[in-house]
mmCIF file of all heavy atoms, coordinates in Angstrom:
data_MODEL
# 
_entry.id   MODEL 
# 
loop_
_atom_site.group_PDB 
_atom_site.id 
_atom_site.type_symbol 
_atom_site.label_atom_id 
_atom_site.label_alt_id 
_atom_site.label_comp_id 
_atom_site.label_asym_id 
_atom_site.label_entity_id 
_atom_site.label_seq_id 
_atom_site.pdbx_PDB_ins_code 
_atom_site.Cartn_x 
_atom_site.Cartn_y 
_atom_site.Cartn_z 
_atom_site.occupancy 
_atom_site.B_iso_or_equiv 
_atom_site.pdbx_formal_charge 
_atom_site.auth_seq_id 
_atom_site.auth_comp_id 
_atom_site.auth_asym_id 
_atom_site.auth_atom_id 
_atom_site.pdbx_PDB_model_num 
ATOM 1   N N   . GLU A 1 1  ? 8.798   -14.780 -22.283 1.00 0.00 ? 1  GLU A N   1 
ATOM 2   C CA  . GLU A 1 1  ? 7.659   -14.943 -21.376 1.00 0.00 ? 1  GLU A CA  1 
ATOM 3   C C   . GLU A 1 1  ? 7.502   -13.745 -20.454 1.00 0.00 ? 1  GLU A C   1 
ATOM 4   O O   . GLU A 1 1  ? 6.397   -13.262 -20.204 1.00 0.00 ? 1  GLU A O   1 
ATOM 5   C CB  . GLU A 1 1  ? 7.798   -16.226 -20.562 1.00 0.00 ? 1  GLU A CB  1 
ATOM 6   C CG  . GLU A 1 1  ? 7.600   -17.499 -21.350 1.00 0.00 ? 1  GLU A CG  1 
ATOM 7   C CD  . GLU A 1 1  ? 6.176   -17.654 -21.859 1.00 0.00 ? 1  GLU A CD  1 
ATOM 8   O OE1 . GLU A 1 1  ? 5.221   -17.330 -21.121 1.00 0.00 ? 1  GLU A OE1 1 
ATOM 9   O OE2 . GLU A 1 1  ? 6.025   -18.083 -23.009 1.00 0.00 ? 1  GLU A OE2 1 
ATOM 10  N N   . LEU A 1 2  ? 8.617   -13.263 -19.909 1.00 0.00 ? 2  LEU A N   1 
ATOM 11  C CA  . LEU A 1 2  ? 8.557   -12.084 -19.036 1.00 0.00 ? 2  LEU A CA  1 
ATOM 12  C C   . LEU A 1 2  ? 8.078   -10.851 -19.788 1.00 0.00 ? 2  LEU A C   1 
ATOM 13  O O   . LEU A 1 2  ? 7.280   -10.076 -19.256 1.00 0.00 ? 2  LEU A O   1 
ATOM 14  C CB  . LEU A 1 2  ? 9.928   -11.815 -18.398 1.00 0.00 ? 2  LEU A CB  1 
ATOM 15  C CG  . LEU A 1 2  ? 10.332  -12.781 -17.299 1.00 0.00 ? 2  LEU A CG  1 
ATOM 16  C CD1 . LEU A 1 2  ? 11.786  -12.520 -16.888 1.00 0.00 ? 2  LEU A CD1 1 
ATOM 17  C CD2 . LEU A 1 2  ? 9.415   -12.664 -16.110 1.00 0.00 ? 2  LEU A CD2 1 
ATOM 18  N N   . VAL A 1 3  ? 8.545   -10.673 -21.019 1.00 0.00 ? 3  VAL A N   1 
ATOM 19  C CA  . VAL A 1 3  ? 8.092   -9.542  -21.819 1.00 0.00 ? 3  VAL A CA  1 
ATOM 20  C C   . VAL A 1 3  ? 6.602   -9.655  -22.078 1.00 0.00 ? 3  VAL A C   1 
ATOM 21  O O   . VAL A 1 3  ? 5.859   -8.669  -21.998 1.00 0.00 ? 3  VAL A O   1 
ATOM 22  C CB  . VAL A 1 3  ? 8.891   -9.447  -23.136 1.00 0.00 ? 3  VAL A CB  1 
ATOM 23  C CG1 . VAL A 1 3  ? 8.269   -8.451  -24.107 1.00 0.00 ? 3  VAL A CG1 1 
ATOM 24  C CG2 . VAL A 1 3  ? 10.350  -9.080  -22.856 1.00 0.00 ? 3  VAL A CG2 1 
ATOM 25  N N   . TYR A 1 4  ? 6.135   -10.865 -22.375 1.00 0.00 ? 4  TYR A N   1 
ATOM 26  C CA  . TYR A 1 4  ? 4.701   -11.093 -22.629 1.00 0.00 ? 4  TYR A CA  1 
ATOM 27  C C   . TYR A 1 4  ? 3.870   -10.717 -21.407 1.00 0.00 ? 4  TYR A C   1 
ATOM 28  O O   . TYR A 1 4  ? 2.858   -10.021 -21.511 1.00 0.00 ? 4  TYR A O   1 
ATOM 29  C CB  . TYR A 1 4  ? 4.472   -12.553 -23.021 1.00 0.00 ? 4  TYR A CB  1 
ATOM 30  C CG  . TYR A 1 4  ? 3.022   -12.910 -23.172 1.00 0.00 ? 4  TYR A CG  1 
ATOM 31  C CD1 . TYR A 1 4  ? 2.314   -12.536 -24.312 1.00 0.00 ? 4  TYR A CD1 1 
ATOM 32  C CD2 . TYR A 1 4  ? 2.345   -13.589 -22.167 1.00 0.00 ? 4  TYR A CD2 1 
ATOM 33  C CE1 . TYR A 1 4  ? 0.976   -12.858 -24.448 1.00 0.00 ? 4  TYR A CE1 1 
ATOM 34  C CE2 . TYR A 1 4  ? 1.008   -13.903 -22.284 1.00 0.00 ? 4  TYR A CE2 1 
ATOM 35  C CZ  . TYR A 1 4  ? 0.329   -13.531 -23.441 1.00 0.00 ? 4  TYR A CZ  1 
ATOM 36  O OH  . TYR A 1 4  ? -0.989  -13.842 -23.561 1.00 0.00 ? 4  TYR A OH  1 
ATOM 37  N N   . VAL A 1 5  ? 4.302   -11.174 -20.219 1.00 0.00 ? 5  VAL A N   1 
ATOM 38  C CA  . VAL A 1 5  ? 3.572   -10.871 -18.978 1.00 0.00 ? 5  VAL A CA  1 
ATOM 39  C C   . VAL A 1 5  ? 3.565   -9.369  -18.732 1.00 0.00 ? 5  VAL A C   1 
ATOM 40  O O   . VAL A 1 5  ? 2.526   -8.774  -18.413 1.00 0.00 ? 5  VAL A O   1 
ATOM 41  C CB  . VAL A 1 5  ? 4.189   -11.638 -17.784 1.00 0.00 ? 5  VAL A CB  1 
ATOM 42  C CG1 . VAL A 1 5  ? 3.644   -11.127 -16.456 1.00 0.00 ? 5  VAL A CG1 1 
ATOM 43  C CG2 . VAL A 1 5  ? 3.919   -13.120 -17.918 1.00 0.00 ? 5  VAL A CG2 1 
ATOM 44  N N   . ARG A 1 6  ? 4.722   -8.738  -18.872 1.00 0.00 ? 6  ARG A N   1 
ATOM 45  C CA  . ARG A 1 6  ? 4.812   -7.292  -18.642 1.00 0.00 ? 6  ARG A CA  1 
ATOM 46  C C   . ARG A 1 6  ? 3.890   -6.534  -19.599 1.00 0.00 ? 6  ARG A C   1 
ATOM 47  O O   . ARG A 1 6  ? 3.145   -5.643  -19.187 1.00 0.00 ? 6  ARG A O   1 
ATOM 48  C CB  . ARG A 1 6  ? 6.235   -6.817  -18.814 1.00 0.00 ? 6  ARG A CB  1 
ATOM 49  C CG  . ARG A 1 6  ? 6.368   -5.304  -18.563 1.00 0.00 ? 6  ARG A CG  1 
ATOM 50  C CD  . ARG A 1 6  ? 7.646   -4.706  -19.046 1.00 0.00 ? 6  ARG A CD  1 
ATOM 51  N NE  . ARG A 1 6  ? 7.761   -4.891  -20.492 1.00 0.00 ? 6  ARG A NE  1 
ATOM 52  C CZ  . ARG A 1 6  ? 8.883   -4.695  -21.151 1.00 0.00 ? 6  ARG A CZ  1 
ATOM 53  N NH1 . ARG A 1 6  ? 9.972   -4.337  -20.523 1.00 0.00 ? 6  ARG A NH1 1 
ATOM 54  N NH2 . ARG A 1 6  ? 8.930   -4.853  -22.459 1.00 0.00 ? 6  ARG A NH2 1 
ATOM 55  N N   . ASN A 1 7  ? 3.928   -6.889  -20.867 1.00 0.00 ? 7  ASN A N   1 
ATOM 56  C CA  . ASN A 1 7  ? 3.103   -6.196  -21.852 1.00 0.00 ? 7  ASN A CA  1 
ATOM 57  C C   . ASN A 1 7  ? 1.613   -6.431  -21.597 1.00 0.00 ? 7  ASN A C   1 
ATOM 58  O O   . ASN A 1 7  ? 0.804   -5.508  -21.767 1.00 0.00 ? 7  ASN A O   1 
ATOM 59  C CB  . ASN A 1 7  ? 3.467   -6.619  -23.268 1.00 0.00 ? 7  ASN A CB  1 
ATOM 60  C CG  . ASN A 1 7  ? 4.830   -6.101  -23.666 1.00 0.00 ? 7  ASN A CG  1 
ATOM 61  O OD1 . ASN A 1 7  ? 5.378   -5.191  -23.061 1.00 0.00 ? 7  ASN A OD1 1 
ATOM 62  N ND2 . ASN A 1 7  ? 5.400   -6.696  -24.705 1.00 0.00 ? 7  ASN A ND2 1 
ATOM 63  N N   . ALA A 1 8  ? 1.259   -7.638  -21.183 1.00 0.00 ? 8  ALA A N   1 
ATOM 64  C CA  . ALA A 1 8  ? -0.144  -7.929  -20.881 1.00 0.00 ? 8  ALA A CA  1 
ATOM 65  C C   . ALA A 1 8  ? -0.614  -7.080  -19.705 1.00 0.00 ? 8  ALA A C   1 
ATOM 66  O O   . ALA A 1 8  ? -1.733  -6.538  -19.714 1.00 0.00 ? 8  ALA A O   1 
ATOM 67  C CB  . ALA A 1 8  ? -0.324  -9.412  -20.586 1.00 0.00 ? 8  ALA A CB  1 
ATOM 68  N N   . LEU A 1 9  ? 0.232   -6.941  -18.690 1.00 0.00 ? 9  LEU A N   1 
ATOM 69  C CA  . LEU A 1 9  ? -0.128  -6.116  -17.533 1.00 0.00 ? 9  LEU A CA  1 
ATOM 70  C C   . LEU A 1 9  ? -0.235  -4.638  -17.889 1.00 0.00 ? 9  LEU A C   1 
ATOM 71  O O   . LEU A 1 9  ? -1.121  -3.945  -17.430 1.00 0.00 ? 9  LEU A O   1 
ATOM 72  C CB  . LEU A 1 9  ? 0.860   -6.319  -16.400 1.00 0.00 ? 9  LEU A CB  1 
ATOM 73  C CG  . LEU A 1 9  ? 0.740   -7.656  -15.674 1.00 0.00 ? 9  LEU A CG  1 
ATOM 74  C CD1 . LEU A 1 9  ? 1.908   -7.834  -14.723 1.00 0.00 ? 9  LEU A CD1 1 
ATOM 75  C CD2 . LEU A 1 9  ? -0.584  -7.745  -14.933 1.00 0.00 ? 9  LEU A CD2 1 
ATOM 76  N N   . HIS A 1 10 ? 0.682   -4.184  -18.735 1.00 0.00 ? 10 HIS A N   1 
ATOM 77  C CA  . HIS A 1 10 ? 0.617   -2.786  -19.137 1.00 0.00 ? 10 HIS A CA  1 
ATOM 78  C C   . HIS A 1 10 ? -0.624  -2.497  -19.976 1.00 0.00 ? 10 HIS A C   1 
ATOM 79  O O   . HIS A 1 10 ? -1.130  -1.375  -19.956 1.00 0.00 ? 10 HIS A O   1 
ATOM 80  C CB  . HIS A 1 10 ? 1.872   -2.400  -19.930 1.00 0.00 ? 10 HIS A CB  1 
ATOM 81  C CG  . HIS A 1 10 ? 3.047   -2.060  -19.070 1.00 0.00 ? 10 HIS A CG  1 
ATOM 82  N ND1 . HIS A 1 10 ? 3.120   -0.923  -18.317 1.00 0.00 ? 10 HIS A ND1 1 
ATOM 83  C CD2 . HIS A 1 10 ? 4.201   -2.747  -18.841 1.00 0.00 ? 10 HIS A CD2 1 
ATOM 84  C CE1 . HIS A 1 10 ? 4.256   -0.895  -17.673 1.00 0.00 ? 10 HIS A CE1 1 
ATOM 85  N NE2 . HIS A 1 10 ? 4.939   -1.999  -17.960 1.00 0.00 ? 10 HIS A NE2 1 
ATOM 86  N N   . ALA A 1 11 ? -1.122  -3.492  -20.681 1.00 0.00 ? 11 ALA A N   1 
ATOM 87  C CA  . ALA A 1 11 ? -2.301  -3.293  -21.522 1.00 0.00 ? 11 ALA A CA  1 
ATOM 88  C C   . ALA A 1 11 ? -3.592  -3.219  -20.698 1.00 0.00 ? 11 ALA A C   1 
ATOM 89  O O   . ALA A 1 11 ? -4.593  -2.680  -21.175 1.00 0.00 ? 11 ALA A O   1 
ATOM 90  C CB  . ALA A 1 11 ? -2.409  -4.430  -22.542 1.00 0.00 ? 11 ALA A CB  1 
ATOM 91  N N   . LEU A 1 12 ? -3.562  -3.754  -19.468 1.00 0.00 ? 12 LEU A N   1 
ATOM 92  C CA  . LEU A 1 12 ? -4.767  -3.711  -18.632 1.00 0.00 ? 12 LEU A CA  1 
ATOM 93  C C   . LEU A 1 12 ? -5.025  -2.305  -18.116 1.00 0.00 ? 12 LEU A C   1 
ATOM 94  O O   . LEU A 1 12 ? -4.088  -1.575  -17.820 1.00 0.00 ? 12 LEU A O   1 
ATOM 95  C CB  . LEU A 1 12 ? -4.599  -4.650  -17.423 1.00 0.00 ? 12 LEU A CB  1 
ATOM 96  C CG  . LEU A 1 12 ? -4.587  -6.142  -17.677 1.00 0.00 ? 12 LEU A CG  1 
ATOM 97  C CD1 . LEU A 1 12 ? -4.263  -6.871  -16.379 1.00 0.00 ? 12 LEU A CD1 1 
ATOM 98  C CD2 . LEU A 1 12 ? -5.921  -6.604  -18.246 1.00 0.00 ? 12 LEU A CD2 1 
ATOM 99  N N   . PRO A 1 13 ? -6.296  -1.945  -17.974 1.00 0.00 ? 13 PRO A N   1 
ATOM 100 C CA  . PRO A 1 13 ? -6.586  -0.652  -17.336 1.00 0.00 ? 13 PRO A CA  1 
ATOM 101 C C   . PRO A 1 13 ? -6.109  -0.674  -15.884 1.00 0.00 ? 13 PRO A C   1 
ATOM 102 O O   . PRO A 1 13 ? -5.992  -1.737  -15.258 1.00 0.00 ? 13 PRO A O   1 
ATOM 103 C CB  . PRO A 1 13 ? -8.119  -0.554  -17.383 1.00 0.00 ? 13 PRO A CB  1 
ATOM 104 C CG  . PRO A 1 13 ? -8.585  -1.633  -18.288 1.00 0.00 ? 13 PRO A CG  1 
ATOM 105 C CD  . PRO A 1 13 ? -7.489  -2.644  -18.406 1.00 0.00 ? 13 PRO A CD  1 
ATOM 106 N N   . GLN A 1 14 ? -5.854  0.484   -15.348 1.00 0.00 ? 14 GLN A N   1 
ATOM 107 C CA  . GLN A 1 14 ? -5.351  0.615   -13.972 1.00 0.00 ? 14 GLN A CA  1 
ATOM 108 C C   . GLN A 1 14 ? -6.276  -0.084  -12.975 1.00 0.00 ? 14 GLN A C   1 
ATOM 109 O O   . GLN A 1 14 ? -5.804  -0.728  -12.029 1.00 0.00 ? 14 GLN A O   1 
ATOM 110 C CB  . GLN A 1 14 ? -5.199  2.099   -13.623 1.00 0.00 ? 14 GLN A CB  1 
ATOM 111 C CG  . GLN A 1 14 ? -4.544  2.360   -12.288 1.00 0.00 ? 14 GLN A CG  1 
ATOM 112 C CD  . GLN A 1 14 ? -3.065  2.018   -12.272 1.00 0.00 ? 14 GLN A CD  1 
ATOM 113 O OE1 . GLN A 1 14 ? -2.431  1.893   -13.310 1.00 0.00 ? 14 GLN A OE1 1 
ATOM 114 N NE2 . GLN A 1 14 ? -2.503  1.856   -11.097 1.00 0.00 ? 14 GLN A NE2 1 
ATOM 115 N N   . THR A 1 15 ? -7.569  -0.001  -13.169 1.00 0.00 ? 15 THR A N   1 
ATOM 116 C CA  . THR A 1 15 ? -8.519  -0.625  -12.233 1.00 0.00 ? 15 THR A CA  1 
ATOM 117 C C   . THR A 1 15 ? -8.375  -2.145  -12.227 1.00 0.00 ? 15 THR A C   1 
ATOM 118 O O   . THR A 1 15 ? -8.441  -2.772  -11.180 1.00 0.00 ? 15 THR A O   1 
ATOM 119 C CB  . THR A 1 15 ? -9.966  -0.238  -12.566 1.00 0.00 ? 15 THR A CB  1 
ATOM 120 O OG1 . THR A 1 15 ? -10.238 -0.579  -13.939 1.00 0.00 ? 15 THR A OG1 1 
ATOM 121 C CG2 . THR A 1 15 ? -10.205 1.243   -12.355 1.00 0.00 ? 15 THR A CG2 1 
ATOM 122 N N   . GLU A 1 16 ? -8.153  -2.735  -13.412 1.00 0.00 ? 16 GLU A N   1 
ATOM 123 C CA  . GLU A 1 16 ? -7.954  -4.180  -13.485 1.00 0.00 ? 16 GLU A CA  1 
ATOM 124 C C   . GLU A 1 16 ? -6.645  -4.599  -12.815 1.00 0.00 ? 16 GLU A C   1 
ATOM 125 O O   . GLU A 1 16 ? -6.573  -5.625  -12.152 1.00 0.00 ? 16 GLU A O   1 
ATOM 126 C CB  . GLU A 1 16 ? -7.966  -4.658  -14.950 1.00 0.00 ? 16 GLU A CB  1 
ATOM 127 C CG  . GLU A 1 16 ? -9.323  -4.580  -15.616 1.00 0.00 ? 16 GLU A CG  1 
ATOM 128 C CD  . GLU A 1 16 ? -10.325 -5.509  -14.945 1.00 0.00 ? 16 GLU A CD  1 
ATOM 129 O OE1 . GLU A 1 16 ? -9.993  -6.667  -14.665 1.00 0.00 ? 16 GLU A OE1 1 
ATOM 130 O OE2 . GLU A 1 16 ? -11.470 -5.053  -14.720 1.00 0.00 ? 16 GLU A OE2 1 
ATOM 131 N N   . ARG A 1 17 ? -5.609  -3.815  -13.021 1.00 0.00 ? 17 ARG A N   1 
ATOM 132 C CA  . ARG A 1 17 ? -4.325  -4.101  -12.362 1.00 0.00 ? 17 ARG A CA  1 
ATOM 133 C C   . ARG A 1 17 ? -4.466  -4.054  -10.857 1.00 0.00 ? 17 ARG A C   1 
ATOM 134 O O   . ARG A 1 17 ? -3.919  -4.901  -10.153 1.00 0.00 ? 17 ARG A O   1 
ATOM 135 C CB  . ARG A 1 17 ? -3.248  -3.127  -12.817 1.00 0.00 ? 17 ARG A CB  1 
ATOM 136 C CG  . ARG A 1 17 ? -2.699  -3.445  -14.189 1.00 0.00 ? 17 ARG A CG  1 
ATOM 137 C CD  . ARG A 1 17 ? -1.490  -2.608  -14.456 1.00 0.00 ? 17 ARG A CD  1 
ATOM 138 N NE  . ARG A 1 17 ? -1.795  -1.703  -15.560 1.00 0.00 ? 17 ARG A NE  1 
ATOM 139 C CZ  . ARG A 1 17 ? -1.121  -0.631  -15.860 1.00 0.00 ? 17 ARG A CZ  1 
ATOM 140 N NH1 . ARG A 1 17 ? -0.073  -0.280  -15.174 1.00 0.00 ? 17 ARG A NH1 1 
ATOM 141 N NH2 . ARG A 1 17 ? -1.464  0.109   -16.874 1.00 0.00 ? 17 ARG A NH2 1 
ATOM 142 N N   . LEU A 1 18 ? -5.195  -3.074  -10.359 1.00 0.00 ? 18 LEU A N   1 
ATOM 143 C CA  . LEU A 1 18 ? -5.394  -2.973  -8.909  1.00 0.00 ? 18 LEU A CA  1 
ATOM 144 C C   . LEU A 1 18 ? -6.179  -4.157  -8.366  1.00 0.00 ? 18 LEU A C   1 
ATOM 145 O O   . LEU A 1 18 ? -5.931  -4.620  -7.261  1.00 0.00 ? 18 LEU A O   1 
ATOM 146 C CB  . LEU A 1 18 ? -6.087  -1.659  -8.563  1.00 0.00 ? 18 LEU A CB  1 
ATOM 147 C CG  . LEU A 1 18 ? -5.197  -0.426  -8.638  1.00 0.00 ? 18 LEU A CG  1 
ATOM 148 C CD1 . LEU A 1 18 ? -6.018  0.852   -8.428  1.00 0.00 ? 18 LEU A CD1 1 
ATOM 149 C CD2 . LEU A 1 18 ? -4.057  -0.503  -7.638  1.00 0.00 ? 18 LEU A CD2 1 
ATOM 150 N N   . LYS A 1 19 ? -7.122  -4.682  -9.153  1.00 0.00 ? 19 LYS A N   1 
ATOM 151 C CA  . LYS A 1 19 ? -7.865  -5.891  -8.735  1.00 0.00 ? 19 LYS A CA  1 
ATOM 152 C C   . LYS A 1 19 ? -6.914  -7.082  -8.610  1.00 0.00 ? 19 LYS A C   1 
ATOM 153 O O   . LYS A 1 19 ? -7.035  -7.905  -7.704  1.00 0.00 ? 19 LYS A O   1 
ATOM 154 C CB  . LYS A 1 19 ? -8.960  -6.240  -9.746  1.00 0.00 ? 19 LYS A CB  1 
ATOM 155 C CG  . LYS A 1 19 ? -10.169 -5.351  -9.657  1.00 0.00 ? 19 LYS A CG  1 
ATOM 156 C CD  . LYS A 1 19 ? -11.200 -5.796  -10.686 1.00 0.00 ? 19 LYS A CD  1 
ATOM 157 C CE  . LYS A 1 19 ? -12.297 -4.780  -10.845 1.00 0.00 ? 19 LYS A CE  1 
ATOM 158 N NZ  . LYS A 1 19 ? -13.235 -5.167  -11.923 1.00 0.00 ? 19 LYS A NZ  1 
ATOM 159 N N   . LEU A 1 20 ? -5.965  -7.177  -9.535  1.00 0.00 ? 20 LEU A N   1 
ATOM 160 C CA  . LEU A 1 20 ? -5.027  -8.293  -9.510  1.00 0.00 ? 20 LEU A CA  1 
ATOM 161 C C   . LEU A 1 20 ? -4.025  -8.185  -8.374  1.00 0.00 ? 20 LEU A C   1 
ATOM 162 O O   . LEU A 1 20 ? -3.651  -9.178  -7.756  1.00 0.00 ? 20 LEU A O   1 
ATOM 163 C CB  . LEU A 1 20 ? -4.255  -8.376  -10.845 1.00 0.00 ? 20 LEU A CB  1 
ATOM 164 C CG  . LEU A 1 20 ? -5.050  -8.833  -12.058 1.00 0.00 ? 20 LEU A CG  1 
ATOM 165 C CD1 . LEU A 1 20 ? -4.200  -8.680  -13.310 1.00 0.00 ? 20 LEU A CD1 1 
ATOM 166 C CD2 . LEU A 1 20 ? -5.510  -10.259 -11.908 1.00 0.00 ? 20 LEU A CD2 1 
ATOM 167 N N   . PHE A 1 21 ? -3.554  -6.970  -8.100  1.00 0.00 ? 21 PHE A N   1 
ATOM 168 C CA  . PHE A 1 21 ? -2.482  -6.784  -7.136  1.00 0.00 ? 21 PHE A CA  1 
ATOM 169 C C   . PHE A 1 21 ? -2.920  -6.221  -5.796  1.00 0.00 ? 21 PHE A C   1 
ATOM 170 O O   . PHE A 1 21 ? -2.167  -6.266  -4.846  1.00 0.00 ? 21 PHE A O   1 
ATOM 171 C CB  . PHE A 1 21 ? -1.396  -5.870  -7.745  1.00 0.00 ? 21 PHE A CB  1 
ATOM 172 C CG  . PHE A 1 21 ? -0.592  -6.537  -8.802  1.00 0.00 ? 21 PHE A CG  1 
ATOM 173 C CD1 . PHE A 1 21 ? -0.927  -6.368  -10.142 1.00 0.00 ? 21 PHE A CD1 1 
ATOM 174 C CD2 . PHE A 1 21 ? 0.475   -7.341  -8.490  1.00 0.00 ? 21 PHE A CD2 1 
ATOM 175 C CE1 . PHE A 1 21 ? -0.178  -6.979  -11.135 1.00 0.00 ? 21 PHE A CE1 1 
ATOM 176 C CE2 . PHE A 1 21 ? 1.230   -7.957  -9.467  1.00 0.00 ? 21 PHE A CE2 1 
ATOM 177 C CZ  . PHE A 1 21 ? 0.887   -7.770  -10.806 1.00 0.00 ? 21 PHE A CZ  1 
ATOM 178 N N   . LYS A 1 22 ? -4.091  -5.665  -5.721  1.00 0.00 ? 22 LYS A N   1 
ATOM 179 C CA  . LYS A 1 22 ? -4.679  -5.111  -4.483  1.00 0.00 ? 22 LYS A CA  1 
ATOM 180 C C   . LYS A 1 22 ? -3.974  -3.850  -3.987  1.00 0.00 ? 22 LYS A C   1 
ATOM 181 O O   . LYS A 1 22 ? -4.599  -2.929  -3.557  1.00 0.00 ? 22 LYS A O   1 
ATOM 182 C CB  . LYS A 1 22 ? -4.729  -6.135  -3.342  1.00 0.00 ? 22 LYS A CB  1 
ATOM 183 C CG  . LYS A 1 22 ? -5.437  -7.423  -3.694  1.00 0.00 ? 22 LYS A CG  1 
ATOM 184 C CD  . LYS A 1 22 ? -6.902  -7.217  -3.917  1.00 0.00 ? 22 LYS A CD  1 
ATOM 185 C CE  . LYS A 1 22 ? -7.577  -8.546  -4.126  1.00 0.00 ? 22 LYS A CE  1 
ATOM 186 N NZ  . LYS A 1 22 ? -8.613  -8.525  -5.101  1.00 0.00 ? 22 LYS A NZ  1 
ATOM 187 N N   . ARG A 1 23 ? -2.649  -3.830  -4.012  1.00 0.00 ? 23 ARG A N   1 
ATOM 188 C CA  . ARG A 1 23 ? -1.900  -2.667  -3.512  1.00 0.00 ? 23 ARG A CA  1 
ATOM 189 C C   . ARG A 1 23 ? -1.064  -2.091  -4.642  1.00 0.00 ? 23 ARG A C   1 
ATOM 190 O O   . ARG A 1 23 ? -0.263  -2.800  -5.270  1.00 0.00 ? 23 ARG A O   1 
ATOM 191 C CB  . ARG A 1 23 ? -0.986  -3.078  -2.366  1.00 0.00 ? 23 ARG A CB  1 
ATOM 192 C CG  . ARG A 1 23 ? -1.758  -3.462  -1.123  1.00 0.00 ? 23 ARG A CG  1 
ATOM 193 C CD  . ARG A 1 23 ? -0.856  -3.844  0.053   1.00 0.00 ? 23 ARG A CD  1 
ATOM 194 N NE  . ARG A 1 23 ? 0.499   -3.334  0.000   1.00 0.00 ? 23 ARG A NE  1 
ATOM 195 C CZ  . ARG A 1 23 ? 1.540   -4.061  0.397   1.00 0.00 ? 23 ARG A CZ  1 
ATOM 196 N NH1 . ARG A 1 23 ? 1.383   -5.283  0.854   1.00 0.00 ? 23 ARG A NH1 1 
ATOM 197 N NH2 . ARG A 1 23 ? 2.746   -3.545  0.344   1.00 0.00 ? 23 ARG A NH2 1 
ATOM 198 N N   . ALA A 1 24 ? -1.196  -0.803  -4.859  1.00 0.00 ? 24 ALA A N   1 
ATOM 199 C CA  . ALA A 1 24 ? -0.474  -0.135  -5.941  1.00 0.00 ? 24 ALA A CA  1 
ATOM 200 C C   . ALA A 1 24 ? 1.044   -0.201  -5.748  1.00 0.00 ? 24 ALA A C   1 
ATOM 201 O O   . ALA A 1 24 ? 1.783   -0.402  -6.706  1.00 0.00 ? 24 ALA A O   1 
ATOM 202 C CB  . ALA A 1 24 ? -0.924  1.306   -6.086  1.00 0.00 ? 24 ALA A CB  1 
ATOM 203 N N   . ASP A 1 25 ? 1.509   -0.072  -4.514  1.00 0.00 ? 25 ASP A N   1 
ATOM 204 C CA  . ASP A 1 25 ? 2.962   -0.096  -4.275  1.00 0.00 ? 25 ASP A CA  1 
ATOM 205 C C   . ASP A 1 25 ? 3.536   -1.475  -4.583  1.00 0.00 ? 25 ASP A C   1 
ATOM 206 O O   . ASP A 1 25 ? 4.630   -1.593  -5.128  1.00 0.00 ? 25 ASP A O   1 
ATOM 207 C CB  . ASP A 1 25 ? 3.298   0.321   -2.853  1.00 0.00 ? 25 ASP A CB  1 
ATOM 208 C CG  . ASP A 1 25 ? 2.726   -0.614  -1.792  1.00 0.00 ? 25 ASP A CG  1 
ATOM 209 O OD1 . ASP A 1 25 ? 1.572   -1.071  -1.947  1.00 0.00 ? 25 ASP A OD1 1 
ATOM 210 O OD2 . ASP A 1 25 ? 3.453   -0.867  -0.810  1.00 0.00 ? 25 ASP A OD2 1 
# 
């Protein structure tokens, strides 16, 4: 499950990841 979540996040474009997390750090 952790590998799946990590891979799904890595597959998202940077802009989508920033929308999910708000802060890059």
